[in-house]
């Protein structure tokens, strides 16, 4: 299943509002505020790479007060626990 981590910069003081909006989006698996260069990290999954791209482009990046994003697409099968 295509997965991405999206690092988000947002307007000062809007972190909690954006985190709450991200949690409502379909495909959002995990959201956390972070310290450092970025303000929020979100883990997003979808049934296809095209749907993943569209979710990030048209949903995550369009949230009000999101200034910029950096998207890292996960390489499927690499680093997974094999049982």
PDB file of N, CA and C in Angstrom:
ATOM      1  N   UNK A   1       0.841  -1.168   0.000  1.00  0.00           N
ATOM      2  CA  UNK A   1       0.000   0.000   0.000  1.00  0.00           C
ATOM      3  C   UNK A   1       0.894   1.242   0.000  1.00  0.00           C
ATOM      4  N   UNK A   2       0.756   2.104  -0.987  1.00  0.00           N
ATOM      5  CA  UNK A   2       1.587   3.305  -1.058  1.00  0.00           C
ATOM      6  C   UNK A   2       1.440   4.174   0.209  1.00  0.00           C
ATOM      7  N   UNK A   3       2.598   4.570   0.737  1.00  0.00           N
ATOM      8  CA  UNK A   3       2.653   5.337   1.975  1.00  0.00           C
ATOM      9  C   UNK A   3       3.605   6.510   1.804  1.00  0.00           C
ATOM     10  N   UNK A   4       3.282   7.621   2.457  1.00  0.00           N
ATOM     11  CA  UNK A   4       4.166   8.785   2.429  1.00  0.00           C
ATOM     12  C   UNK A   4       4.187   9.439   3.800  1.00  0.00           C
ATOM     13  N   UNK A   5       5.323  10.032   4.111  1.00  0.00           N
ATOM     14  CA  UNK A   5       5.442  10.906   5.268  1.00  0.00           C
ATOM     15  C   UNK A   5       5.479  12.323   4.724  1.00  0.00           C
ATOM     16  N   UNK A   6       4.625  13.179   5.271  1.00  0.00           N
ATOM     17  CA  UNK A   6       4.550  14.557   4.810  1.00  0.00           C
ATOM     18  C   UNK A   6       4.977  15.466   5.962  1.00  0.00           C
ATOM     19  N   UNK A   7       6.068  16.213   5.734  1.00  0.00           N
ATOM     20  CA  UNK A   7       6.546  17.193   6.706  1.00  0.00           C
ATOM     21  C   UNK A   7       5.910  18.529   6.357  1.00  0.00           C
ATOM     22  N   UNK A   8       5.363  19.200   7.345  1.00  0.00           N
ATOM     23  CA  UNK A   8       4.544  20.389   7.095  1.00  0.00           C
ATOM     24  C   UNK A   8       5.050  21.577   7.895  1.00  0.00           C
ATOM     25  N   UNK A   9       5.196  22.715   7.229  1.00  0.00           N
ATOM     26  CA  UNK A   9       5.418  24.008   7.876  1.00  0.00           C
ATOM     27  C   UNK A   9       4.094  24.745   7.850  1.00  0.00           C
ATOM     28  N   UNK A  10       3.763  25.389   8.977  1.00  0.00           N
ATOM     29  CA  UNK A  10       2.488  26.095   9.043  1.00  0.00           C
ATOM     30  C   UNK A  10       2.660  27.448   9.734  1.00  0.00           C
ATOM     31  N   UNK A  11       1.612  28.250   9.665  1.00  0.00           N
ATOM     32  CA  UNK A  11       1.615  29.540  10.341  1.00  0.00           C
ATOM     33  C   UNK A  11       1.754  29.319  11.845  1.00  0.00           C
ATOM     34  N   UNK A  12       2.486  30.205  12.494  1.00  0.00           N
ATOM     35  CA  UNK A  12       2.707  30.129  13.932  1.00  0.00           C
ATOM     36  C   UNK A  12       1.380  30.102  14.683  1.00  0.00           C
ATOM     37  N   UNK A  13       1.230  29.120  15.559  1.00  0.00           N
ATOM     38  CA  UNK A  13       0.029  29.005  16.367  1.00  0.00           C
ATOM     39  C   UNK A  13      -1.099  28.216  15.746  1.00  0.00           C
ATOM     40  N   UNK A  14      -0.927  27.752  14.523  1.00  0.00           N
ATOM     41  CA  UNK A  14      -2.006  27.021  13.838  1.00  0.00           C
ATOM     42  C   UNK A  14      -1.805  25.505  13.863  1.00  0.00           C
ATOM     43  N   UNK A  15      -0.800  25.036  14.580  1.00  0.00           N
ATOM     44  CA  UNK A  15      -0.449  23.617  14.562  1.00  0.00           C
ATOM     45  C   UNK A  15      -1.610  22.715  14.982  1.00  0.00           C
ATOM     46  N   UNK A  16      -2.231  23.016  16.105  1.00  0.00           N
ATOM     47  CA  UNK A  16      -3.308  22.156  16.621  1.00  0.00           C
ATOM     48  C   UNK A  16      -4.494  22.108  15.660  1.00  0.00           C
ATOM     49  N   UNK A  17      -4.834  23.248  15.093  1.00  0.00           N
ATOM     50  CA  UNK A  17      -5.933  23.330  14.121  1.00  0.00           C
ATOM     51  C   UNK A  17      -5.648  22.461  12.895  1.00  0.00           C
ATOM     52  N   UNK A  18      -4.428  22.536  12.393  1.00  0.00           N
ATOM     53  CA  UNK A  18      -4.046  21.751  11.214  1.00  0.00           C
ATOM     54  C   UNK A  18      -3.991  20.269  11.551  1.00  0.00           C
ATOM     55  N   UNK A  19      -3.457  19.927  12.712  1.00  0.00           N
ATOM     56  CA  UNK A  19      -3.406  18.520  13.134  1.00  0.00           C
ATOM     57  C   UNK A  19      -4.822  17.942  13.174  1.00  0.00           C
ATOM     58  N   UNK A  20      -5.769  18.685  13.721  1.00  0.00           N
ATOM     59  CA  UNK A  20      -7.157  18.214  13.790  1.00  0.00           C
ATOM     60  C   UNK A  20      -7.751  18.021  12.397  1.00  0.00           C
ATOM     61  N   UNK A  21      -7.445  18.905  11.466  1.00  0.00           N
ATOM     62  CA  UNK A  21      -7.943  18.768  10.090  1.00  0.00           C
ATOM     63  C   UNK A  21      -7.307  17.566   9.404  1.00  0.00           C
ATOM     64  N   UNK A  22      -6.018  17.363   9.622  1.00  0.00           N
ATOM     65  CA  UNK A  22      -5.321  16.226   9.014  1.00  0.00           C
ATOM     66  C   UNK A  22      -5.904  14.900   9.498  1.00  0.00           C
ATOM     67  N   UNK A  23      -6.240  14.813  10.776  1.00  0.00           N
ATOM     68  CA  UNK A  23      -6.792  13.578  11.339  1.00  0.00           C
ATOM     69  C   UNK A  23      -8.122  13.201  10.699  1.00  0.00           C
ATOM     70  N   UNK A  24      -8.839  14.165  10.157  1.00  0.00           N
ATOM     71  CA  UNK A  24     -10.141  13.913   9.527  1.00  0.00           C
ATOM     72  C   UNK A  24     -10.023  13.437   8.079  1.00  0.00           C
ATOM     73  N   UNK A  25      -8.850  13.592   7.480  1.00  0.00           N
ATOM     74  CA  UNK A  25      -8.684  13.214   6.078  1.00  0.00           C
ATOM     75  C   UNK A  25      -8.590  11.702   5.931  1.00  0.00           C
ATOM     76  N   UNK A  26      -9.278  11.130   4.940  1.00  0.00           N
ATOM     77  CA  UNK A  26      -9.146   9.688   4.702  1.00  0.00           C
ATOM     78  C   UNK A  26      -7.713   9.379   4.273  1.00  0.00           C
ATOM     79  N   UNK A  27      -7.179   8.319   4.815  1.00  0.00           N
ATOM     80  CA  UNK A  27      -5.818   7.929   4.461  1.00  0.00           C
ATOM     81  C   UNK A  27      -4.775   8.408   5.449  1.00  0.00           C
ATOM     82  N   UNK A  28      -5.125   9.359   6.300  1.00  0.00           N
ATOM     83  CA  UNK A  28      -4.173   9.815   7.313  1.00  0.00           C
ATOM     84  C   UNK A  28      -4.114   8.773   8.412  1.00  0.00           C
ATOM     85  N   UNK A  29      -2.927   8.207   8.606  1.00  0.00           N
ATOM     86  CA  UNK A  29      -2.736   7.130   9.563  1.00  0.00           C
ATOM     87  C   UNK A  29      -2.257   7.672  10.907  1.00  0.00           C
ATOM     88  N   UNK A  30      -1.390   8.676  10.854  1.00  0.00           N
ATOM     89  CA  UNK A  30      -0.761   9.193  12.059  1.00  0.00           C
ATOM     90  C   UNK A  30      -0.382  10.656  11.834  1.00  0.00           C
ATOM     91  N   UNK A  31      -0.536  11.485  12.866  1.00  0.00           N
ATOM     92  CA  UNK A  31      -0.164  12.895  12.790  1.00  0.00           C
ATOM     93  C   UNK A  31       0.449  13.301  14.122  1.00  0.00           C
ATOM     94  N   UNK A  32       1.573  14.016  14.068  1.00  0.00           N
ATOM     95  CA  UNK A  32       2.213  14.499  15.287  1.00  0.00           C
ATOM     96  C   UNK A  32       2.833  15.864  15.054  1.00  0.00           C
ATOM     97  N   UNK A  33       2.822  16.689  16.096  1.00  0.00           N
ATOM     98  CA  UNK A  33       3.597  17.915  16.081  1.00  0.00           C
ATOM     99  C   UNK A  33       5.044  17.555  16.385  1.00  0.00           C
ATOM    100  N   UNK A  34       5.980  18.255  15.775  1.00  0.00           N
ATOM    101  CA  UNK A  34       7.398  17.957  15.978  1.00  0.00           C
ATOM    102  C   UNK A  34       8.185  19.252  16.192  1.00  0.00           C
ATOM    103  N   UNK A  35       9.348  19.117  16.844  1.00  0.00           N
ATOM    104  CA  UNK A  35      10.287  20.220  16.995  1.00  0.00           C
ATOM    105  C   UNK A  35      11.275  20.172  15.843  1.00  0.00           C
ATOM    106  N   UNK A  36      11.792  21.302  15.456  1.00  0.00           N
ATOM    107  CA  UNK A  36      12.806  21.348  14.410  1.00  0.00           C
ATOM    108  C   UNK A  36      12.379  22.233  13.263  1.00  0.00           C
ATOM    109  N   UNK A  37      12.886  21.918  12.090  1.00  0.00           N
ATOM    110  CA  UNK A  37      12.626  22.725  10.902  1.00  0.00           C
ATOM    111  C   UNK A  37      11.155  22.682  10.510  1.00  0.00           C
ATOM    112  N   UNK A  38      10.501  21.537  10.711  1.00  0.00           N
ATOM    113  CA  UNK A  38       9.086  21.380  10.370  1.00  0.00           C
ATOM    114  C   UNK A  38       8.246  21.394  11.628  1.00  0.00           C
ATOM    115  N   UNK A  39       6.949  21.653  11.471  1.00  0.00           N
ATOM    116  CA  UNK A  39       6.036  21.769  12.602  1.00  0.00           C
ATOM    117  C   UNK A  39       5.203  20.512  12.838  1.00  0.00           C
ATOM    118  N   UNK A  40       4.878  19.804  11.754  1.00  0.00           N
ATOM    119  CA  UNK A  40       3.981  18.638  11.823  1.00  0.00           C
ATOM    120  C   UNK A  40       4.506  17.560  10.887  1.00  0.00           C
ATOM    121  N   UNK A  41       4.329  16.298  11.299  1.00  0.00           N
ATOM    122  CA  UNK A  41       4.586  15.171  10.397  1.00  0.00           C
ATOM    123  C   UNK A  41       3.308  14.340  10.322  1.00  0.00           C
ATOM    124  N   UNK A  42       2.961  13.945   9.099  1.00  0.00           N
ATOM    125  CA  UNK A  42       1.770  13.123   8.886  1.00  0.00           C
ATOM    126  C   UNK A  42       2.150  11.897   8.068  1.00  0.00           C
ATOM    127  N   UNK A  43       1.617  10.760   8.452  1.00  0.00           N
ATOM    128  CA  UNK A  43       1.783   9.523   7.686  1.00  0.00           C
ATOM    129  C   UNK A  43       0.484   9.297   6.933  1.00  0.00           C
ATOM    130  N   UNK A  44       0.587   9.188   5.616  1.00  0.00           N
ATOM    131  CA  UNK A  44      -0.592   9.066   4.757  1.00  0.00           C
ATOM    132  C   UNK A  44      -0.471   7.801   3.914  1.00  0.00           C
ATOM    133  N   UNK A  45      -1.560   7.028   3.840  1.00  0.00           N
ATOM    134  CA  UNK A  45      -1.597   5.815   3.013  1.00  0.00           C
ATOM    135  C   UNK A  45      -2.758   5.908   2.039  1.00  0.00           C
ATOM    136  N   UNK A  46      -2.616   5.194   0.912  1.00  0.00           N
ATOM    137  CA  UNK A  46      -3.693   5.139  -0.061  1.00  0.00           C
ATOM    138  C   UNK A  46      -3.626   3.813  -0.811  1.00  0.00           C
ATOM    139  N   UNK A  47      -4.680   3.517  -1.558  1.00  0.00           N
ATOM    140  CA  UNK A  47      -4.726   2.256  -2.290  1.00  0.00           C
ATOM    141  C   UNK A  47      -3.912   2.284  -3.577  1.00  0.00           C
ATOM    142  N   UNK A  48      -3.546   3.475  -4.051  1.00  0.00           N
ATOM    143  CA  UNK A  48      -2.718   3.581  -5.258  1.00  0.00           C
ATOM    144  C   UNK A  48      -1.821   4.808  -5.165  1.00  0.00           C
ATOM    145  N   UNK A  49      -0.746   4.801  -5.928  1.00  0.00           N
ATOM    146  CA  UNK A  49       0.182   5.925  -5.934  1.00  0.00           C
ATOM    147  C   UNK A  49      -0.510   7.189  -6.439  1.00  0.00           C
ATOM    148  N   UNK A  50      -1.386   7.044  -7.417  1.00  0.00           N
ATOM    149  CA  UNK A  50      -2.116   8.185  -7.963  1.00  0.00           C
ATOM    150  C   UNK A  50      -3.023   8.813  -6.898  1.00  0.00           C
ATOM    151  N   UNK A  51      -3.742   7.982  -6.155  1.00  0.00           N
ATOM    152  CA  UNK A  51      -4.622   8.489  -5.098  1.00  0.00           C
ATOM    153  C   UNK A  51      -3.822   9.117  -3.958  1.00  0.00           C
ATOM    154  N   UNK A  52      -2.648   8.555  -3.674  1.00  0.00           N
ATOM    155  CA  UNK A  52      -1.777   9.122  -2.654  1.00  0.00           C
ATOM    156  C   UNK A  52      -1.319  10.516  -3.075  1.00  0.00           C
ATOM    157  N   UNK A  53      -0.875  10.639  -4.301  1.00  0.00           N
ATOM    158  CA  UNK A  53      -0.419  11.925  -4.826  1.00  0.00           C
ATOM    159  C   UNK A  53      -1.553  12.950  -4.783  1.00  0.00           C
ATOM    160  N   UNK A  54      -2.729  12.534  -5.196  1.00  0.00           N
ATOM    161  CA  UNK A  54      -3.873  13.446  -5.202  1.00  0.00           C
ATOM    162  C   UNK A  54      -4.271  13.864  -3.791  1.00  0.00           C
ATOM    163  N   UNK A  55      -4.232  12.940  -2.835  1.00  0.00           N
ATOM    164  CA  UNK A  55      -4.582  13.270  -1.452  1.00  0.00           C
ATOM    165  C   UNK A  55      -3.629  14.321  -0.887  1.00  0.00           C
ATOM    166  N   UNK A  56      -2.347  14.160  -1.164  1.00  0.00           N
ATOM    167  CA  UNK A  56      -1.362  15.116  -0.653  1.00  0.00           C
ATOM    168  C   UNK A  56      -1.496  16.453  -1.370  1.00  0.00           C
ATOM    169  N   UNK A  57      -1.628  16.419  -2.682  1.00  0.00           N
ATOM    170  CA  UNK A  57      -1.695  17.653  -3.465  1.00  0.00           C
ATOM    171  C   UNK A  57      -2.972  18.428  -3.222  1.00  0.00           C
ATOM    172  N   UNK A  58      -4.121  17.759  -3.220  1.00  0.00           N
ATOM    173  CA  UNK A  58      -5.413  18.444  -3.194  1.00  0.00           C
ATOM    174  C   UNK A  58      -6.078  18.492  -1.833  1.00  0.00           C
ATOM    175  N   UNK A  59      -5.561  17.743  -0.854  1.00  0.00           N
ATOM    176  CA  UNK A  59      -6.159  17.790   0.482  1.00  0.00           C
ATOM    177  C   UNK A  59      -5.175  18.362   1.502  1.00  0.00           C
ATOM    178  N   UNK A  60      -4.045  17.704   1.684  1.00  0.00           N
ATOM    179  CA  UNK A  60      -3.085  18.153   2.699  1.00  0.00           C
ATOM    180  C   UNK A  60      -2.549  19.542   2.376  1.00  0.00           C
ATOM    181  N   UNK A  61      -2.066  19.736   1.168  1.00  0.00           N
ATOM    182  CA  UNK A  61      -1.430  21.004   0.815  1.00  0.00           C
ATOM    183  C   UNK A  61      -2.406  22.176   0.716  1.00  0.00           C
ATOM    184  N   UNK A  62      -3.699  21.894   0.611  1.00  0.00           N
ATOM    185  CA  UNK A  62      -4.709  22.950   0.482  1.00  0.00           C
ATOM    186  C   UNK A  62      -5.308  23.376   1.830  1.00  0.00           C
ATOM    187  N   UNK A  63      -4.880  22.747   2.920  1.00  0.00           N
ATOM    188  CA  UNK A  63      -5.377  23.147   4.241  1.00  0.00           C
ATOM    189  C   UNK A  63      -4.914  24.575   4.517  1.00  0.00           C
ATOM    190  N   UNK A  64      -5.849  25.392   4.978  1.00  0.00           N
ATOM    191  CA  UNK A  64      -5.548  26.786   5.294  1.00  0.00           C
ATOM    192  C   UNK A  64      -4.446  26.859   6.350  1.00  0.00           C
ATOM    193  N   UNK A  65      -3.521  27.744   6.174  1.00  0.00           N
ATOM    194  CA  UNK A  65      -2.388  28.024   7.072  1.00  0.00           C
ATOM    195  C   UNK A  65      -1.228  27.053   6.914  1.00  0.00           C
ATOM    196  N   UNK A  66      -1.309  26.102   5.973  1.00  0.00           N
ATOM    197  CA  UNK A  66      -0.146  25.277   5.621  1.00  0.00           C
ATOM    198  C   UNK A  66       0.716  26.113   4.692  1.00  0.00           C
ATOM    199  N   UNK A  67       1.961  26.339   5.083  1.00  0.00           N
ATOM    200  CA  UNK A  67       2.868  27.175   4.283  1.00  0.00           C
ATOM    201  C   UNK A  67       3.645  26.366   3.250  1.00  0.00           C
ATOM    202  N   UNK A  68       4.152  25.200   3.666  1.00  0.00           N
ATOM    203  CA  UNK A  68       4.916  24.364   2.734  1.00  0.00           C
ATOM    204  C   UNK A  68       4.917  22.927   3.224  1.00  0.00           C
ATOM    205  N   UNK A  69       5.231  22.019   2.308  1.00  0.00           N
ATOM    206  CA  UNK A  69       5.315  20.600   2.650  1.00  0.00           C
ATOM    207  C   UNK A  69       6.549  19.980   1.995  1.00  0.00           C
ATOM    208  N   UNK A  70       7.004  18.900   2.589  1.00  0.00           N
ATOM    209  CA  UNK A  70       8.046  18.060   2.000  1.00  0.00           C
ATOM    210  C   UNK A  70       7.517  16.639   2.099  1.00  0.00           C
ATOM    211  N   UNK A  71       7.362  15.985   0.967  1.00  0.00           N
ATOM    212  CA  UNK A  71       6.778  14.643   0.937  1.00  0.00           C
ATOM    213  C   UNK A  71       7.852  13.606   0.682  1.00  0.00           C
ATOM    214  N   UNK A  72       7.860  12.558   1.503  1.00  0.00           N
ATOM    215  CA  UNK A  72       8.785  11.440   1.345  1.00  0.00           C
ATOM    216  C   UNK A  72       7.962  10.179   1.125  1.00  0.00           C
ATOM    217  N   UNK A  73       8.074   9.618  -0.079  1.00  0.00           N
ATOM    218  CA  UNK A  73       7.340   8.399  -0.428  1.00  0.00           C
ATOM    219  C   UNK A  73       8.141   7.197   0.085  1.00  0.00           C
ATOM    220  N   UNK A  74       7.463   6.294   0.765  1.00  0.00           N
ATOM    221  CA  UNK A  74       8.100   5.106   1.320  1.00  0.00           C
ATOM    222  C   UNK A  74       8.381   4.095   0.208  1.00  0.00           C
ATOM    223  N   UNK A  75       9.570   3.477   0.243  1.00  0.00           N
ATOM    224  CA  UNK A  75       9.910   2.387  -0.687  1.00  0.00           C
ATOM    225  C   UNK A  75       9.274   1.120  -0.123  1.00  0.00           C
ATOM    226  N   UNK A  76       8.285   0.622  -0.848  1.00  0.00           N
ATOM    227  CA  UNK A  76       7.559  -0.564  -0.356  1.00  0.00           C
ATOM    228  C   UNK A  76       8.471  -1.778  -0.247  1.00  0.00           C
ATOM    229  N   UNK A  77       8.335  -2.484   0.879  1.00  0.00           N
ATOM    230  CA  UNK A  77       9.100  -3.708   1.097  1.00  0.00           C
ATOM    231  C   UNK A  77      10.455  -3.485   1.748  1.00  0.00           C
ATOM    232  N   UNK A  78      10.947  -2.273   1.757  1.00  0.00           N
ATOM    233  CA  UNK A  78      12.242  -2.001   2.348  1.00  0.00           C
ATOM    234  C   UNK A  78      12.069  -1.607   3.808  1.00  0.00           C
ATOM    235  N   UNK A  79      12.757  -2.290   4.702  1.00  0.00           N
ATOM    236  CA  UNK A  79      12.699  -1.968   6.111  1.00  0.00           C
ATOM    237  C   UNK A  79      11.529  -2.588   6.855  1.00  0.00           C
ATOM    238  N   UNK A  80      10.711  -3.366   6.199  1.00  0.00           N
ATOM    239  CA  UNK A  80       9.584  -4.008   6.871  1.00  0.00           C
ATOM    240  C   UNK A  80      10.042  -5.227   7.633  1.00  0.00           C
ATOM    241  N   UNK A  81       9.359  -5.529   8.752  1.00  0.00           N
ATOM    242  CA  UNK A  81       9.643  -6.730   9.514  1.00  0.00           C
ATOM    243  C   UNK A  81       9.090  -7.932   8.769  1.00  0.00           C
ATOM    244  N   UNK A  82       9.929  -8.905   8.514  1.00  0.00           N
ATOM    245  CA  UNK A  82       9.511 -10.139   7.836  1.00  0.00           C
ATOM    246  C   UNK A  82       9.265 -11.197   8.888  1.00  0.00           C
ATOM    247  N   UNK A  83       8.060 -11.788   8.853  1.00  0.00           N
ATOM    248  CA  UNK A  83       7.730 -12.828   9.840  1.00  0.00           C
ATOM    249  C   UNK A  83       7.560 -14.150   9.185  1.00  0.00           C
TER     250      UNK A  83
END
